[in-house]
Amino acid sequence: MNIAFSVDTNPYPQPRPRFGRGTVYEPERVKVYKHLLKIAGRQAMGGRPIFSTPVTVSVVIRRRFAIDSRQFGDIDNHLKAVFDALNGVCYTDDKLIFAVGATKIQSARQGVDIAISDGRP
């Protein structure tokens, strides 16, 4: 089984944990972004059972900023946000991800493109 989908929104990298009043929290913009990824992932699954075997994931991060800009964010933090958002939605656990393809590109149309396929490469 293979799925592919895009989310046209400003992609945010997963930030470091933030602490306040004795609790750990995530910035609201990151919560909203991850929620949009979950919705798109559910729609892409189309009611099929989620992956429970090894998967390969390909991610393209599209931002308006130059690729070397500090505002673009580290690719590994972008991946962490995507993997966390799709945990339990597209695959049972992100430990099932055996291969990753990741690309950052400068684009007028911001967003993220995700493809997930079953099996190891």
Protein backbone atom coordinates (compact mmCIF):
# COMPACT_ATOMS: atom_id res chain seq x y z
CA MET A 1 0.00 0.00 0.00
CA ASN A 2 1.20 3.51 -0.81
CA ILE A 3 -0.25 6.87 0.16
CA ALA A 4 0.75 10.40 -0.78
CA PHE A 5 -0.67 13.73 0.26
CA SER A 6 0.17 17.42 0.54
CA VAL A 7 -0.68 20.01 3.15
CA ASP A 8 -0.49 23.59 1.91
CA THR A 9 0.31 25.51 5.08
CA ASN A 10 3.35 27.04 6.69
CA PRO A 11 5.41 24.03 7.85
CA TYR A 12 6.94 24.34 11.30
CA PRO A 13 9.86 22.36 12.70
CA GLN A 14 9.36 20.62 16.03
CA PRO A 15 10.71 23.05 18.65
CA ARG A 16 12.55 22.14 21.83
CA PRO A 17 10.22 21.43 24.75
CA ARG A 18 9.05 24.57 26.53
CA PHE A 19 8.37 24.72 30.22
CA GLY A 20 5.98 26.95 32.11
CA ARG A 21 4.15 26.71 35.41
CA GLY A 22 5.41 23.20 36.05
CA THR A 23 4.27 21.77 32.71
CA VAL A 24 5.73 21.14 29.26
CA TYR A 25 3.91 22.76 26.35
CA GLU A 26 4.12 23.21 22.60
CA PRO A 27 3.58 26.52 20.78
CA GLU A 28 0.03 26.87 19.43
CA ARG A 29 1.18 27.28 15.82
CA VAL A 30 2.96 23.91 15.96
CA LYS A 31 -0.12 22.25 17.49
CA VAL A 32 -2.28 23.60 14.67
CA TYR A 33 0.24 22.49 12.02
CA LYS A 34 0.43 18.96 13.44
CA HIS A 35 -3.38 18.83 13.64
CA LEU A 36 -3.60 19.71 9.93
CA LEU A 37 -1.10 16.93 9.16
CA LYS A 38 -3.23 14.45 11.14
CA ILE A 39 -6.39 15.41 9.26
CA ALA A 40 -4.65 15.09 5.88
CA GLY A 41 -3.10 11.77 6.92
CA ARG A 42 -6.50 10.37 7.94
CA GLN A 43 -8.00 11.47 4.63
CA ALA A 44 -5.11 9.91 2.69
CA MET A 45 -5.59 6.61 4.52
CA GLY A 46 -9.18 6.58 3.28
CA GLY A 47 -10.42 4.22 5.98
CA ARG A 48 -7.73 1.61 5.30
CA PRO A 49 -5.95 0.11 8.30
CA ILE A 50 -2.85 2.01 9.36
CA PHE A 51 0.60 0.63 8.56
CA SER A 52 1.79 -1.86 11.17
CA THR A 53 4.85 -3.11 9.27
CA PRO A 54 8.06 -1.30 8.23
CA VAL A 55 7.53 1.79 6.07
CA THR A 56 9.49 4.20 3.91
CA VAL A 57 8.63 7.88 4.23
CA SER A 58 9.45 10.69 1.81
CA VAL A 59 8.97 14.32 2.89
CA VAL A 60 9.39 17.54 0.91
CA ILE A 61 9.29 20.76 2.96
CA ARG A 62 8.32 23.82 0.90
CA ARG A 63 9.03 27.29 2.34
CA ARG A 64 9.31 30.83 0.94
CA PHE A 65 12.64 31.38 2.69
CA ALA A 66 16.03 30.65 1.16
CA ILE A 67 17.12 27.13 2.05
CA ASP A 68 20.11 28.42 4.04
CA SER A 69 17.95 30.85 6.03
CA ARG A 70 17.72 30.35 9.80
CA GLN A 71 13.96 30.81 9.41
CA PHE A 72 13.70 27.63 7.30
CA GLY A 73 14.54 25.36 10.23
CA ASP A 74 16.58 22.18 10.50
CA ILE A 75 15.35 19.33 8.35
CA ASP A 76 15.52 16.84 11.23
CA ASN A 77 13.20 19.02 13.32
CA HIS A 78 10.76 19.29 10.41
CA LEU A 79 10.79 15.50 10.13
CA LYS A 80 10.18 15.11 13.86
CA ALA A 81 7.02 17.24 13.61
CA VAL A 82 5.74 15.20 10.64
CA PHE A 83 6.57 11.84 12.23
CA ASP A 84 4.96 12.79 15.55
CA ALA A 85 1.80 14.10 13.87
CA LEU A 86 1.28 10.92 11.82
CA ASN A 87 2.00 8.54 14.71
CA GLY A 88 -1.13 6.48 15.26
CA VAL A 89 -2.75 8.01 12.16
CA CYS A 90 -0.79 6.54 9.24
CA TYR A 91 1.42 4.05 11.12
CA THR A 92 1.14 2.45 14.53
CA ASP A 93 4.47 3.86 15.73
CA ASP A 94 7.21 5.93 14.12
CA LYS A 95 9.73 3.24 15.10
CA LEU A 96 8.40 1.41 12.01
CA ILE A 97 10.06 3.99 9.74
CA PHE A 98 13.06 2.23 8.23
CA ALA A 99 13.95 4.64 5.43
CA VAL A 100 13.49 8.37 5.00
CA GLY A 101 13.87 10.72 2.07
CA ALA A 102 13.80 14.39 3.03
CA THR A 103 14.15 17.54 0.97
CA LYS A 104 13.84 21.26 1.72
CA ILE A 105 12.97 23.50 -1.21
CA GLN A 106 12.30 27.18 -1.66
CA SER A 107 8.81 27.63 -3.09
CA ALA A 108 6.17 30.33 -3.42
CA ARG A 109 3.62 27.68 -2.34
CA GLN A 110 4.47 26.74 1.25
CA GLY A 111 3.61 23.32 2.57
CA VAL A 112 4.71 19.75 2.97
CA ASP A 113 4.43 16.76 0.62
CA ILE A 114 4.42 13.33 2.24
CA ALA A 115 4.58 9.84 0.71
CA ILE A 116 4.47 6.64 2.75
CA SER A 117 4.95 3.16 1.34
CA ASP A 118 5.01 -0.20 3.02
CA GLY A 119 8.13 -2.30 3.11
CA ARG A 120 11.79 -1.63 3.49
CA PRO A 121 13.67 -0.11 0.56
